[in-house]
C-alpha atoms as a PDB file:
ATOM      1  CA  MET A   1      38.352  23.905  46.722  1.00  0.00           C
ATOM      2  CA  SER A   2      40.144  24.951  43.946  1.00  0.00           C
ATOM      3  CA  LEU A   3      40.167  27.985  41.275  1.00  0.00           C
ATOM      4  CA  ASP A   4      38.012  25.825  38.671  1.00  0.00           C
ATOM      5  CA  SER A   5      35.410  25.465  41.482  1.00  0.00           C
ATOM      6  CA  TYR A   6      33.111  27.842  39.968  1.00  0.00           C
ATOM      7  CA  LEU A   7      30.564  29.907  41.412  1.00  0.00           C
ATOM      8  CA  THR A   8      27.648  31.947  39.883  1.00  0.00           C
ATOM      9  CA  LEU A   9      28.263  35.880  40.470  1.00  0.00           C
ATOM     10  CA  GLY A  10      25.079  36.987  42.356  1.00  0.00           C
ATOM     11  CA  ARG A  11      21.849  36.426  40.788  1.00  0.00           C
ATOM     12  CA  SER A  12      23.198  35.685  37.288  1.00  0.00           C
ATOM     13  CA  GLY A  13      24.333  32.670  35.210  1.00  0.00           C
ATOM     14  CA  LEU A  14      27.915  33.938  35.101  1.00  0.00           C
ATOM     15  CA  ARG A  15      30.054  31.478  36.672  1.00  0.00           C
ATOM     16  CA  VAL A  16      33.459  32.881  38.446  1.00  0.00           C
ATOM     17  CA  SER A  17      36.589  31.567  40.035  1.00  0.00           C
ATOM     18  CA  PRO A  18      36.230  31.621  43.847  1.00  0.00           C
ATOM     19  CA  PHE A  19      39.197  34.075  43.773  1.00  0.00           C
ATOM     20  CA  ALA A  20      39.283  36.868  41.093  1.00  0.00           C
ATOM     21  CA  LEU A  21      42.893  38.184  39.827  1.00  0.00           C
ATOM     22  CA  GLY A  22      43.142  41.804  40.251  1.00  0.00           C
ATOM     23  CA  ALA A  23      45.518  43.590  37.742  1.00  0.00           C
ATOM     24  CA  MET A  24      45.681  46.963  39.645  1.00  0.00           C
ATOM     25  CA  ASN A  25      49.426  46.370  40.109  1.00  0.00           C
ATOM     26  CA  PHE A  26      50.073  45.264  36.181  1.00  0.00           C
ATOM     27  CA  GLY A  27      52.079  47.984  34.524  1.00  0.00           C
ATOM     28  CA  VAL A  28      54.555  50.685  35.734  1.00  0.00           C
ATOM     29  CA  GLU A  29      53.023  53.612  34.559  1.00  0.00           C
ATOM     30  CA  GLY A  30      52.267  55.735  37.519  1.00  0.00           C
ATOM     31  CA  GLY A  31      55.012  55.038  39.802  1.00  0.00           C
ATOM     32  CA  TRP A  32      53.940  51.417  40.910  1.00  0.00           C
ATOM     33  CA  GLY A  33      53.234  48.026  39.905  1.00  0.00           C
ATOM     34  CA  CYS A  34      54.980  45.203  38.134  1.00  0.00           C
ATOM     35  CA  GLY A  35      56.459  45.121  34.493  1.00  0.00           C
ATOM     36  CA  VAL A  36      55.134  43.327  31.292  1.00  0.00           C
ATOM     37  CA  GLU A  37      56.804  40.254  31.760  1.00  0.00           C
ATOM     38  CA  GLU A  38      55.925  39.416  35.245  1.00  0.00           C
ATOM     39  CA  SER A  39      52.358  40.649  34.807  1.00  0.00           C
ATOM     40  CA  GLU A  40      51.850  38.130  32.321  1.00  0.00           C
ATOM     41  CA  GLN A  41      53.679  35.574  34.473  1.00  0.00           C
ATOM     42  CA  ILE A  42      51.208  36.297  37.346  1.00  0.00           C
ATOM     43  CA  LEU A  43      48.451  36.029  34.920  1.00  0.00           C
ATOM     44  CA  GLN A  44      49.474  32.779  33.157  1.00  0.00           C
ATOM     45  CA  ALA A  45      49.815  31.251  36.626  1.00  0.00           C
ATOM     46  CA  TYR A  46      46.661  32.220  37.757  1.00  0.00           C
ATOM     47  CA  LEU A  47      44.768  30.670  34.444  1.00  0.00           C
ATOM     48  CA  ASP A  48      46.870  27.466  34.706  1.00  0.00           C
ATOM     49  CA  ARG A  49      45.272  26.771  38.123  1.00  0.00           C
ATOM     50  CA  GLY A  50      42.093  27.322  36.825  1.00  0.00           C
ATOM     51  CA  GLY A  51      41.235  30.648  37.317  1.00  0.00           C
ATOM     52  CA  ASN A  52      38.758  32.648  34.812  1.00  0.00           C
ATOM     53  CA  PHE A  53      37.924  35.920  36.284  1.00  0.00           C
ATOM     54  CA  VAL A  54      40.181  38.871  35.915  1.00  0.00           C
ATOM     55  CA  ASP A  55      39.408  42.417  36.980  1.00  0.00           C
ATOM     56  CA  THR A  56      40.976  45.853  36.115  1.00  0.00           C
ATOM     57  CA  ALA A  57      39.945  49.472  35.618  1.00  0.00           C
ATOM     58  CA  ASN A  58      40.373  52.017  33.095  1.00  0.00           C
ATOM     59  CA  PHE A  59      43.010  54.404  35.297  1.00  0.00           C
ATOM     60  CA  TYR A  60      44.938  51.580  36.693  1.00  0.00           C
ATOM     61  CA  THR A  61      48.415  52.459  35.857  1.00  0.00           C
ATOM     62  CA  ASN A  62      47.097  55.120  33.536  1.00  0.00           C
ATOM     63  CA  GLY A  63      45.501  52.277  31.124  1.00  0.00           C
ATOM     64  CA  HIS A  64      48.834  50.411  31.181  1.00  0.00           C
ATOM     65  CA  SER A  65      47.002  47.509  33.154  1.00  0.00           C
ATOM     66  CA  GLU A  66      44.092  47.286  30.522  1.00  0.00           C
ATOM     67  CA  ALA A  67      46.815  47.223  27.435  1.00  0.00           C
ATOM     68  CA  ILE A  68      48.898  44.576  29.369  1.00  0.00           C
ATOM     69  CA  LEU A  69      45.761  42.104  29.270  1.00  0.00           C
ATOM     70  CA  GLY A  70      44.595  43.159  25.924  1.00  0.00           C
ATOM     71  CA  ASP A  71      47.985  42.260  24.362  1.00  0.00           C
ATOM     72  CA  PHE A  72      48.306  38.896  26.631  1.00  0.00           C
ATOM     73  CA  PHE A  73      44.806  37.668  25.199  1.00  0.00           C
ATOM     74  CA  ALA A  74      45.358  38.833  21.867  1.00  0.00           C
ATOM     75  CA  ALA A  75      48.547  36.946  21.385  1.00  0.00           C
ATOM     76  CA  ARG A  76      46.512  33.672  22.825  1.00  0.00           C
ATOM     77  CA  PRO A  77      43.384  33.170  19.989  1.00  0.00           C
ATOM     78  CA  GLY A  78      40.511  31.709  21.414  1.00  0.00           C
ATOM     79  CA  LEU A  79      41.501  32.234  25.282  1.00  0.00           C
ATOM     80  CA  ARG A  80      39.832  35.619  25.548  1.00  0.00           C
ATOM     81  CA  ASP A  81      36.183  34.048  25.673  1.00  0.00           C
ATOM     82  CA  ARG A  82      37.122  31.407  28.047  1.00  0.00           C
ATOM     83  CA  VAL A  83      37.614  34.120  30.680  1.00  0.00           C
ATOM     84  CA  VAL A  84      35.445  36.747  32.368  1.00  0.00           C
ATOM     85  CA  LEU A  85      37.111  40.015  31.958  1.00  0.00           C
ATOM     86  CA  ALA A  86      36.135  42.869  33.857  1.00  0.00           C
ATOM     87  CA  SER A  87      37.017  46.615  34.051  1.00  0.00           C
ATOM     88  CA  LYS A  88      35.515  49.879  35.560  1.00  0.00           C
ATOM     89  CA  PHE A  89      34.643  53.372  34.356  1.00  0.00           C
ATOM     90  CA  PHE A  90      34.577  56.632  36.268  1.00  0.00           C
ATOM     91  CA  GLY A  91      38.169  57.603  36.208  1.00  0.00           C
ATOM     92  CA  ASN A  92      39.077  60.519  34.161  1.00  0.00           C
ATOM     93  CA  LEU A  93      42.270  59.898  32.180  1.00  0.00           C
ATOM     94  CA  TYR A  94      41.876  63.464  30.717  1.00  0.00           C
ATOM     95  CA  PRO A  95      42.460  66.305  32.753  1.00  0.00           C
ATOM     96  CA  GLY A  96      40.664  69.330  32.112  1.00  0.00           C
ATOM     97  CA  ASP A  97      37.808  67.523  29.933  1.00  0.00           C
ATOM     98  CA  PRO A  98      34.735  67.787  32.251  1.00  0.00           C
ATOM     99  CA  ASN A  99      33.118  64.577  30.294  1.00  0.00           C
ATOM    100  CA  GLY A 100      36.320  62.678  30.479  1.00  0.00           C
ATOM    101  CA  GLY A 101      35.090  60.668  33.506  1.00  0.00           C
ATOM    102  CA  GLY A 102      32.156  59.891  35.419  1.00  0.00           C
ATOM    103  CA  ALA A 103      28.875  58.365  34.850  1.00  0.00           C
ATOM    104  CA  GLY A 104      27.010  60.457  32.239  1.00  0.00           C
ATOM    105  CA  ARG A 105      26.106  58.932  29.027  1.00  0.00           C
ATOM    106  CA  LYS A 106      28.891  60.672  26.810  1.00  0.00           C
ATOM    107  CA  ALA A 107      31.560  59.711  29.392  1.00  0.00           C
ATOM    108  CA  ILE A 108      30.361  56.141  29.648  1.00  0.00           C
ATOM    109  CA  VAL A 109      30.352  55.134  25.985  1.00  0.00           C
ATOM    110  CA  ALA A 110      33.733  57.120  25.468  1.00  0.00           C
ATOM    111  CA  GLN A 111      35.471  55.318  28.245  1.00  0.00           C
ATOM    112  CA  LEU A 112      34.182  52.151  27.368  1.00  0.00           C
ATOM    113  CA  ASP A 113      35.180  52.487  23.748  1.00  0.00           C
ATOM    114  CA  GLN A 114      38.689  53.412  25.025  1.00  0.00           C
ATOM    115  CA  THR A 115      38.870  50.487  27.472  1.00  0.00           C
ATOM    116  CA  LEU A 116      37.679  48.082  24.540  1.00  0.00           C
ATOM    117  CA  ARG A 117      40.583  49.502  22.280  1.00  0.00           C
ATOM    118  CA  ARG A 118      43.086  48.720  25.135  1.00  0.00           C
ATOM    119  CA  MET A 119      42.266  45.634  25.769  1.00  0.00           C
ATOM    120  CA  LYS A 120      41.741  44.459  22.208  1.00  0.00           C
ATOM    121  CA  THR A 121      38.255  42.878  22.698  1.00  0.00           C
ATOM    122  CA  ASP A 122      34.812  43.384  21.465  1.00  0.00           C
ATOM    123  CA  TYR A 123      33.036  43.108  24.697  1.00  0.00           C
ATOM    124  CA  LEU A 124      33.397  43.113  28.651  1.00  0.00           C
ATOM    125  CA  ASP A 125      31.950  40.433  30.791  1.00  0.00           C
ATOM    126  CA  VAL A 126      31.332  42.752  33.655  1.00  0.00           C
ATOM    127  CA  TYR A 127      31.373  46.758  33.748  1.00  0.00           C
ATOM    128  CA  TRP A 128      31.690  48.195  36.988  1.00  0.00           C
ATOM    129  CA  LEU A 129      30.640  51.727  37.922  1.00  0.00           C
ATOM    130  CA  HIS A 130      33.748  52.583  39.976  1.00  0.00           C
ATOM    131  CA  ASN A 131      32.175  55.558  42.168  1.00  0.00           C
ATOM    132  CA  TRP A 132      29.286  57.423  42.860  1.00  0.00           C
ATOM    133  CA  ASP A 133      28.772  60.209  40.368  1.00  0.00           C
ATOM    134  CA  ALA A 134      26.724  62.692  42.400  1.00  0.00           C
ATOM    135  CA  HIS A 135      26.143  65.160  39.053  1.00  0.00           C
ATOM    136  CA  THR A 136      24.548  62.568  36.905  1.00  0.00           C
ATOM    137  CA  PRO A 137      20.817  61.433  37.204  1.00  0.00           C
ATOM    138  CA  VAL A 138      20.825  57.576  38.109  1.00  0.00           C
ATOM    139  CA  GLU A 139      18.637  56.991  35.197  1.00  0.00           C
ATOM    140  CA  GLU A 140      20.883  58.077  32.727  1.00  0.00           C
ATOM    141  CA  THR A 141      23.665  55.972  34.132  1.00  0.00           C
ATOM    142  CA  MET A 142      21.474  52.656  34.251  1.00  0.00           C
ATOM    143  CA  ARG A 143      19.780  53.309  30.791  1.00  0.00           C
ATOM    144  CA  THR A 144      23.102  53.906  29.084  1.00  0.00           C
ATOM    145  CA  LEU A 145      24.655  50.599  30.813  1.00  0.00           C
ATOM    146  CA  ASP A 146      21.294  48.804  29.739  1.00  0.00           C
ATOM    147  CA  GLY A 147      22.102  49.967  26.111  1.00  0.00           C
ATOM    148  CA  LEU A 148      25.577  48.607  26.165  1.00  0.00           C
ATOM    149  CA  VAL A 149      24.385  45.376  27.054  1.00  0.00           C
ATOM    150  CA  THR A 150      21.635  45.406  24.389  1.00  0.00           C
ATOM    151  CA  ALA A 151      24.481  46.545  21.932  1.00  0.00           C
ATOM    152  CA  GLY A 152      26.751  43.453  22.891  1.00  0.00           C
ATOM    153  CA  LYS A 153      29.302  45.685  24.318  1.00  0.00           C
ATOM    154  CA  ILE A 154      29.155  44.523  27.923  1.00  0.00           C
ATOM    155  CA  ARG A 155      27.302  41.509  29.438  1.00  0.00           C
ATOM    156  CA  TYR A 156      26.686  42.253  33.155  1.00  0.00           C
ATOM    157  CA  VAL A 157      26.662  45.494  35.377  1.00  0.00           C
ATOM    158  CA  GLY A 158      28.294  45.917  38.826  1.00  0.00           C
ATOM    159  CA  PHE A 159      28.680  48.679  41.076  1.00  0.00           C
ATOM    160  CA  SER A 160      32.143  49.436  43.301  1.00  0.00           C
ATOM    161  CA  ASN A 161      32.235  52.051  46.152  1.00  0.00           C
ATOM    162  CA  THR A 162      28.838  53.253  45.892  1.00  0.00           C
ATOM    163  CA  PRO A 163      26.426  54.282  48.860  1.00  0.00           C
ATOM    164  CA  ALA A 164      23.896  51.633  49.666  1.00  0.00           C
ATOM    165  CA  TRP A 165      21.163  53.983  49.209  1.00  0.00           C
ATOM    166  CA  TYR A 166      22.418  54.841  45.560  1.00  0.00           C
ATOM    167  CA  THR A 167      22.903  51.446  44.696  1.00  0.00           C
ATOM    168  CA  ALA A 168      19.301  50.365  45.818  1.00  0.00           C
ATOM    169  CA  GLN A 169      17.830  53.014  43.822  1.00  0.00           C
ATOM    170  CA  ALA A 170      19.866  52.160  40.676  1.00  0.00           C
ATOM    171  CA  HIS A 171      19.183  48.541  40.881  1.00  0.00           C
ATOM    172  CA  THR A 172      15.428  49.033  41.699  1.00  0.00           C
ATOM    173  CA  MET A 173      14.900  51.304  38.950  1.00  0.00           C
ATOM    174  CA  ALA A 174      16.617  48.940  36.566  1.00  0.00           C
ATOM    175  CA  VAL A 175      14.336  45.862  37.727  1.00  0.00           C
ATOM    176  CA  LEU A 176      11.068  48.084  37.587  1.00  0.00           C
ATOM    177  CA  ARG A 177      11.959  49.259  34.075  1.00  0.00           C
ATOM    178  CA  SER A 178      13.193  46.029  32.977  1.00  0.00           C
ATOM    179  CA  TRP A 179      16.926  47.342  32.445  1.00  0.00           C
ATOM    180  CA  THR A 180      19.955  45.105  33.099  1.00  0.00           C
ATOM    181  CA  PRO A 181      20.157  45.075  36.981  1.00  0.00           C
ATOM    182  CA  VAL A 182      23.247  44.992  39.263  1.00  0.00           C
ATOM    183  CA  ILE A 183      24.496  41.722  39.748  1.00  0.00           C
ATOM    184  CA  ALA A 184      27.567  42.329  41.869  1.00  0.00           C
ATOM    185  CA  LEU A 185      29.279  44.786  44.169  1.00  0.00           C
ATOM    186  CA  GLN A 186      32.839  45.441  44.666  1.00  0.00           C
ATOM    187  CA  VAL A 187      33.736  46.707  47.973  1.00  0.00           C
ATOM    188  CA  GLU A 188      36.476  47.021  50.548  1.00  0.00           C
ATOM    189  CA  TYR A 189      36.147  44.147  53.082  1.00  0.00           C
ATOM    190  CA  SER A 190      38.431  42.572  55.261  1.00  0.00           C
ATOM    191  CA  LEU A 191      39.082  41.501  58.918  1.00  0.00           C
ATOM    192  CA  LEU A 192      40.169  45.158  59.401  1.00  0.00           C
ATOM    193  CA  ALA A 193      37.506  46.637  57.418  1.00  0.00           C
ATOM    194  CA  ARG A 194      33.872  45.244  58.425  1.00  0.00           C
ATOM    195  CA  THR A 195      31.547  48.522  58.084  1.00  0.00           C
ATOM    196  CA  VAL A 196      30.469  47.328  54.601  1.00  0.00           C
ATOM    197  CA  GLU A 197      28.302  44.735  56.831  1.00  0.00           C
ATOM    198  CA  GLY A 198      26.078  47.676  57.946  1.00  0.00           C
ATOM    199  CA  GLU A 199      24.425  48.516  54.803  1.00  0.00           C
ATOM    200  CA  LEU A 200      25.829  46.987  51.783  1.00  0.00           C
ATOM    201  CA  VAL A 201      25.958  43.309  52.827  1.00  0.00           C
ATOM    202  CA  PRO A 202      22.121  43.168  53.834  1.00  0.00           C
ATOM    203  CA  LEU A 203      21.361  45.141  50.441  1.00  0.00           C
ATOM    204  CA  ALA A 204      23.549  42.369  48.592  1.00  0.00           C
ATOM    205  CA  ARG A 205      21.750  39.795  50.396  1.00  0.00           C
ATOM    206  CA  ASP A 206      18.217  40.910  49.901  1.00  0.00           C
ATOM    207  CA  ALA A 207      18.738  41.789  46.158  1.00  0.00           C
ATOM    208  CA  GLY A 208      20.958  38.843  45.416  1.00  0.00           C
ATOM    209  CA  MET A 209      24.263  40.736  44.412  1.00  0.00           C
ATOM    210  CA  GLY A 210      27.554  38.828  44.882  1.00  0.00           C
ATOM    211  CA  LEU A 211      30.505  40.534  46.812  1.00  0.00           C
ATOM    212  CA  THR A 212      33.995  40.828  44.984  1.00  0.00           C
ATOM    213  CA  PRO A 213      35.955  42.314  48.196  1.00  0.00           C
ATOM    214  CA  TRP A 214      38.919  44.531  47.305  1.00  0.00           C
ATOM    215  CA  SER A 215      42.123  44.859  49.689  1.00  0.00           C
ATOM    216  CA  PRO A 216      41.066  41.689  51.148  1.00  0.00           C
ATOM    217  CA  LEU A 217      44.444  41.851  53.452  1.00  0.00           C
ATOM    218  CA  ALA A 218      43.997  45.280  54.347  1.00  0.00           C
ATOM    219  CA  GLY A 219      46.800  46.620  52.439  1.00  0.00           C
ATOM    220  CA  GLY A 220      49.155  44.039  53.671  1.00  0.00           C
ATOM    221  CA  PHE A 221      48.406  44.364  57.121  1.00  0.00           C
ATOM    222  CA  LEU A 222      46.922  40.792  57.243  1.00  0.00           C
ATOM    223  CA  SER A 223      49.620  39.377  55.319  1.00  0.00           C
ATOM    224  CA  GLY A 224      51.575  38.114  58.157  1.00  0.00           C
ATOM    225  CA  LYS A 225      54.602  40.194  58.206  1.00  0.00           C
ATOM    226  CA  TYR A 226      53.383  42.856  60.854  1.00  0.00           C
ATOM    227  CA  SER A 227      53.961  41.890  64.318  1.00  0.00           C
ATOM    228  CA  ARG A 228      53.992  44.064  67.636  1.00  0.00           C
ATOM    229  CA  GLY A 229      57.357  45.526  68.643  1.00  0.00           C
ATOM    230  CA  ALA A 230      58.921  44.988  64.866  1.00  0.00           C
ATOM    231  CA  GLU A 231      58.816  48.166  62.489  1.00  0.00           C
ATOM    232  CA  VAL A 232      57.600  47.553  59.173  1.00  0.00           C
ATOM    233  CA  HIS A 233      57.328  49.992  56.222  1.00  0.00           C
ATOM    234  CA  ASP A 234      56.034  49.370  52.907  1.00  0.00           C
ATOM    235  CA  THR A 235      56.526  51.476  49.850  1.00  0.00           C
ATOM    236  CA  MET A 236      53.264  51.838  48.069  1.00  0.00           C
ATOM    237  CA  ARG A 237      52.375  54.252  45.170  1.00  0.00           C
ATOM    238  CA  GLY A 238      55.323  56.201  45.989  1.00  0.00           C
ATOM    239  CA  ARG A 239      54.367  56.586  49.586  1.00  0.00           C
ATOM    240  CA  ILE A 240      55.860  55.273  53.033  1.00  0.00           C
ATOM    241  CA  THR A 241      52.940  53.777  55.215  1.00  0.00           C
ATOM    242  CA  GLY A 242      53.129  52.958  58.899  1.00  0.00           C
ATOM    243  CA  GLY A 243      52.071  49.749  60.378  1.00  0.00           C
ATOM    244  CA  PRO A 244      48.905  48.784  61.989  1.00  0.00           C
ATOM    245  CA  THR A 245      47.352  50.688  64.850  1.00  0.00           C
ATOM    246  CA  ASP A 246      47.052  48.949  68.630  1.00  0.00           C
ATOM    247  CA  ALA A 247      43.374  48.097  67.790  1.00  0.00           C
ATOM    248  CA  GLN A 248      44.163  46.537  64.391  1.00  0.00           C
ATOM    249  CA  PHE A 249      47.030  44.689  66.437  1.00  0.00           C
ATOM    250  CA  ALA A 250      44.330  43.087  68.665  1.00  0.00           C
ATOM    251  CA  VAL A 251      42.631  41.369  65.416  1.00  0.00           C
ATOM    252  CA  ILE A 252      46.116  40.416  63.779  1.00  0.00           C
ATOM    253  CA  ASP A 253      47.194  38.773  67.143  1.00  0.00           C
ATOM    254  CA  VAL A 254      44.060  36.427  67.072  1.00  0.00           C
ATOM    255  CA  LEU A 255      44.836  35.979  63.084  1.00  0.00           C
ATOM    256  CA  THR A 256      48.150  34.529  64.035  1.00  0.00           C
ATOM    257  CA  THR A 257      47.047  32.205  66.725  1.00  0.00           C
ATOM    258  CA  VAL A 258      44.394  30.782  64.358  1.00  0.00           C
ATOM    259  CA  ALA A 259      47.041  30.693  61.446  1.00  0.00           C
ATOM    260  CA  ALA A 260      49.150  28.493  64.057  1.00  0.00           C
ATOM    261  CA  GLU A 261      46.400  26.125  64.825  1.00  0.00           C
ATOM    262  CA  VAL A 262      45.735  25.236  61.098  1.00  0.00           C
ATOM    263  CA  GLU A 263      49.255  25.511  60.114  1.00  0.00           C
ATOM    264  CA  ALA A 264      48.760  28.140  57.534  1.00  0.00           C
ATOM    265  CA  SER A 265      50.020  31.766  56.882  1.00  0.00           C
ATOM    266  CA  PRO A 266      47.909  34.558  58.221  1.00  0.00           C
ATOM    267  CA  ALA A 267      46.849  35.645  54.643  1.00  0.00           C
ATOM    268  CA  ALA A 268      45.854  32.322  53.673  1.00  0.00           C
ATOM    269  CA  VAL A 269      43.642  32.504  57.092  1.00  0.00           C
ATOM    270  CA  ALA A 270      42.467  35.873  56.316  1.00  0.00           C
ATOM    271  CA  LEU A 271      41.252  34.940  53.039  1.00  0.00           C
ATOM    272  CA  ALA A 272      39.624  31.849  54.174  1.00  0.00           C
ATOM    273  CA  TRP A 273      37.480  33.904  56.587  1.00  0.00           C
ATOM    274  CA  LEU A 274      36.590  36.451  54.189  1.00  0.00           C
ATOM    275  CA  ARG A 275      35.212  33.674  51.732  1.00  0.00           C
ATOM    276  CA  SER A 276      33.110  31.969  54.460  1.00  0.00           C
ATOM    277  CA  ARG A 277      31.102  35.680  54.866  1.00  0.00           C
ATOM    278  CA  PRO A 278      27.555  35.417  53.367  1.00  0.00           C
ATOM    279  CA  MET A 279      27.478  36.822  49.901  1.00  0.00           C
ATOM    280  CA  VAL A 280      31.199  36.874  49.214  1.00  0.00           C
ATOM    281  CA  THR A 281      31.884  35.263  45.823  1.00  0.00           C
ATOM    282  CA  ALA A 282      35.393  36.210  44.889  1.00  0.00           C
ATOM    283  CA  PRO A 283      37.679  38.078  46.576  1.00  0.00           C
ATOM    284  CA  ILE A 284      40.199  40.144  44.413  1.00  0.00           C
ATOM    285  CA  LEU A 285      43.703  39.294  44.777  1.00  0.00           C
ATOM    286  CA  GLY A 286      46.114  42.168  43.591  1.00  0.00           C
ATOM    287  CA  PRO A 287      49.675  40.502  43.574  1.00  0.00           C
ATOM    288  CA  ARG A 288      52.627  42.375  42.617  1.00  0.00           C
ATOM    289  CA  ARG A 289      55.028  39.374  42.490  1.00  0.00           C
ATOM    290  CA  LEU A 290      54.311  35.825  41.442  1.00  0.00           C
ATOM    291  CA  ALA A 291      55.224  34.621  44.796  1.00  0.00           C
ATOM    292  CA  HIS A 292      52.315  36.594  46.288  1.00  0.00           C
ATOM    293  CA  LEU A 293      49.742  34.954  44.221  1.00  0.00           C
ATOM    294  CA  ASP A 294      51.079  31.678  45.137  1.00  0.00           C
ATOM    295  CA  ALA A 295      50.786  32.464  48.682  1.00  0.00           C
ATOM    296  CA  ASN A 296      47.338  33.804  48.560  1.00  0.00           C
ATOM    297  CA  LEU A 297      45.904  30.874  46.676  1.00  0.00           C
ATOM    298  CA  ALA A 298      47.107  28.750  49.559  1.00  0.00           C
ATOM    299  CA  ALA A 299      43.772  30.112  51.052  1.00  0.00           C
ATOM    300  CA  LEU A 300      41.847  27.516  48.983  1.00  0.00           C
ATOM    301  CA  ASP A 301      43.304  24.731  51.078  1.00  0.00           C
ATOM    302  CA  VAL A 302      42.216  26.332  54.589  1.00  0.00           C
ATOM    303  CA  ARG A 303      39.588  24.964  56.694  1.00  0.00           C
ATOM    304  CA  LEU A 304      38.439  26.808  59.584  1.00  0.00           C
ATOM    305  CA  SER A 305      36.345  25.427  62.608  1.00  0.00           C
ATOM    306  CA  ASP A 306      33.356  27.268  63.673  1.00  0.00           C
ATOM    307  CA  GLN A 307      35.230  28.014  66.630  1.00  0.00           C
ATOM    308  CA  GLN A 308      38.169  29.748  64.800  1.00  0.00           C
ATOM    309  CA  ILE A 309      35.701  31.507  62.809  1.00  0.00           C
ATOM    310  CA  ALA A 310      33.919  32.795  65.839  1.00  0.00           C
ATOM    311  CA  ALA A 311      37.119  34.072  67.464  1.00  0.00           C
ATOM    312  CA  LEU A 312      37.757  35.832  64.323  1.00  0.00           C
ATOM    313  CA  ASP A 313      34.518  37.283  64.151  1.00  0.00           C
ATOM    314  CA  GLU A 314      34.548  38.663  67.829  1.00  0.00           C
ATOM    315  CA  ALA A 315      38.030  40.294  67.355  1.00  0.00           C
ATOM    316  CA  SER A 316      37.127  41.927  64.363  1.00  0.00           C
ATOM    317  CA  ALA A 317      33.801  43.005  65.304  1.00  0.00           C
ATOM    318  CA  PRO A 318      32.923  46.420  63.595  1.00  0.00           C
ATOM    319  CA  ARG A 319      31.390  49.451  65.255  1.00  0.00           C
ATOM    320  CA  LEU A 320      28.536  50.080  63.005  1.00  0.00           C
ATOM    321  CA  ASN A 321      26.852  53.536  62.227  1.00  0.00           C
ATOM    322  CA  TYR A 322      23.215  54.297  63.480  1.00  0.00           C
ATOM    323  CA  PRO A 323      20.641  53.011  62.860  1.00  0.00           C
ATOM    324  CA  TYR A 324      22.028  49.263  62.916  1.00  0.00           C
ATOM    325  CA  ASP A 325      22.361  48.903  66.656  1.00  0.00           C
ATOM    326  CA  LEU A 326      18.713  50.468  67.171  1.00  0.00           C
ATOM    327  CA  ASN A 327      17.509  48.182  64.567  1.00  0.00           C
ATOM    328  CA  ARG A 328      18.802  45.300  66.258  1.00  0.00           C
ATOM    329  CA  GLN A 329      17.265  46.464  69.586  1.00  0.00           C
ATOM    330  CA  THR A 330      14.050  46.837  68.119  1.00  0.00           C
ATOM    331  CA  GLY A 331      14.110  43.580  66.231  1.00  0.00           C
ATOM    332  CA  ALA A 332      14.845  41.783  69.779  1.00  0.00           C
ATOM    333  CA  MET A 333      12.033  43.784  71.525  1.00  0.00           C
ATOM    334  CA  LEU A 334       9.523  42.654  68.897  1.00  0.00           C
ATOM    335  CA  GLN A 335      10.597  39.260  68.669  1.00  0.00           C
ATOM    336  CA  PHE A 336      11.017  38.553  72.307  1.00  0.00           C
ATOM    337  CA  GLY A 337       8.619  41.134  74.195  1.00  0.00           C
ATOM    338  CA  GLY A 338       5.473  39.510  72.294  1.00  0.00           C
ATOM    339  CA  SER A 339       4.540  42.761  70.962  1.00  0.00           C
ATOM    340  CA  THR A 340       1.226  42.587  69.119  1.00  0.00           C
ATOM    341  CA  VAL A 341      -1.013  45.041  67.118  1.00  0.00           C
ATOM    342  CA  ASP A 342      -4.911  44.480  67.514  1.00  0.00           C
ATOM    343  CA  GLY A 343      -4.085  40.856  68.762  1.00  0.00           C
ATOM    344  CA  VAL A 344      -1.908  40.014  65.413  1.00  0.00           C
ATOM    345  CA  PRO A 345       1.341  38.733  66.526  1.00  0.00           C
ATOM    346  CA  SER A 346       4.595  40.676  65.269  1.00  0.00           C
ATOM    347  CA  THR A 347       6.598  39.898  62.299  1.00  0.00           C
ATOM    348  CA  VAL A 348       9.908  38.226  63.439  1.00  0.00           C
ATOM    349  CA  TYR A 349      13.025  40.450  62.343  1.00  0.00           C
ATOM    350  CA  PRO A 350      15.385  38.431  60.015  1.00  0.00           C
ATOM    351  CA  PRO A 351      18.496  36.797  61.320  1.00  0.00           C
ATOM    352  CA  LEU A 352      20.792  39.853  60.127  1.00  0.00           C
ATOM    353  CA  LEU A 353      19.200  41.933  62.505  1.00  0.00           C
ATOM    354  CA  GLN A 354      19.373  39.566  65.508  1.00  0.00           C
ATOM    355  CA  ASP A 355      23.296  38.699  65.218  1.00  0.00           C
ATOM    356  CA  SER A 356      25.729  41.394  64.247  1.00  0.00           C
ATOM    357  CA  THR A 357      28.451  38.845  63.302  1.00  0.00           C
ATOM    358  CA  ARG A 358      26.598  36.527  60.719  1.00  0.00           C
ATOM    359  CA  TYR A 359      24.214  36.937  58.244  1.00  0.00           C
END
């Protein structure tokens, strides 16, 4: 596989690379990230290898990330239309202004106008709601986004970090009212963060939404630089973070073993495993250095056997919230117990309720 092995994003005709380039670390505003020159080197290297899916957000490095992308594409006429540019709204860049962020109509329109100005483009290919706004009616958010699609300012709508019940409500409302539906979800997902499989993955599968996981290496814990007995501290966003827990090391140990078997880095194996998960379209890579991008893209060449995937699945199996286990048990009873109602055989539960590790 290569970056130009394009896939459709969810139930849409939008074709994207199997790894997206996340620009969260582009810019030094806010105390972390990389400078303009290195940001552009990373971006150019990604594009040179056939990548076409670039993701950012309005508040990443206080808007500097969007500005770097805007300057880069403005200096290369014709290139912008050859890529899929995505950004997010919700973050408030104007402290004290109650309408400076969120998902209300006034806030969405203003945030998009500011993003388009920084990115020096007339439209975005994907516009993500970055979080759930509990204070705004869902119909207001979805009707506003549909209007922006109609106006040609955005092409598709995605949700990020939103509860499954809210996402399902918004998507169903859009479908029933012939508004623009949700085509993809941006969620935290990795070998060390699999609780998304309880509600959001089944929702994505049912509704035909693609998944673009963020933090696919769990903040660096799956990168290969952590090992038992060795103290490693990362400086990120001005904070010092400790190492993995014993439970996380149990997963990392299996990951390291599989990596040795396929002669690849733990990071590449972790990314290859994630790409094998149902509904995952394009994990988001967030390199701060050009070397990080090269190392992560090695995942394109990793091939895992069914046994190796099963070993990683077992080691990282999540404990999911009620009613997940109850639903599985009930499904098993109905299927194998031969329950009937008035002599009519019971409906067989779908595979996702019979197997907690594979969907």
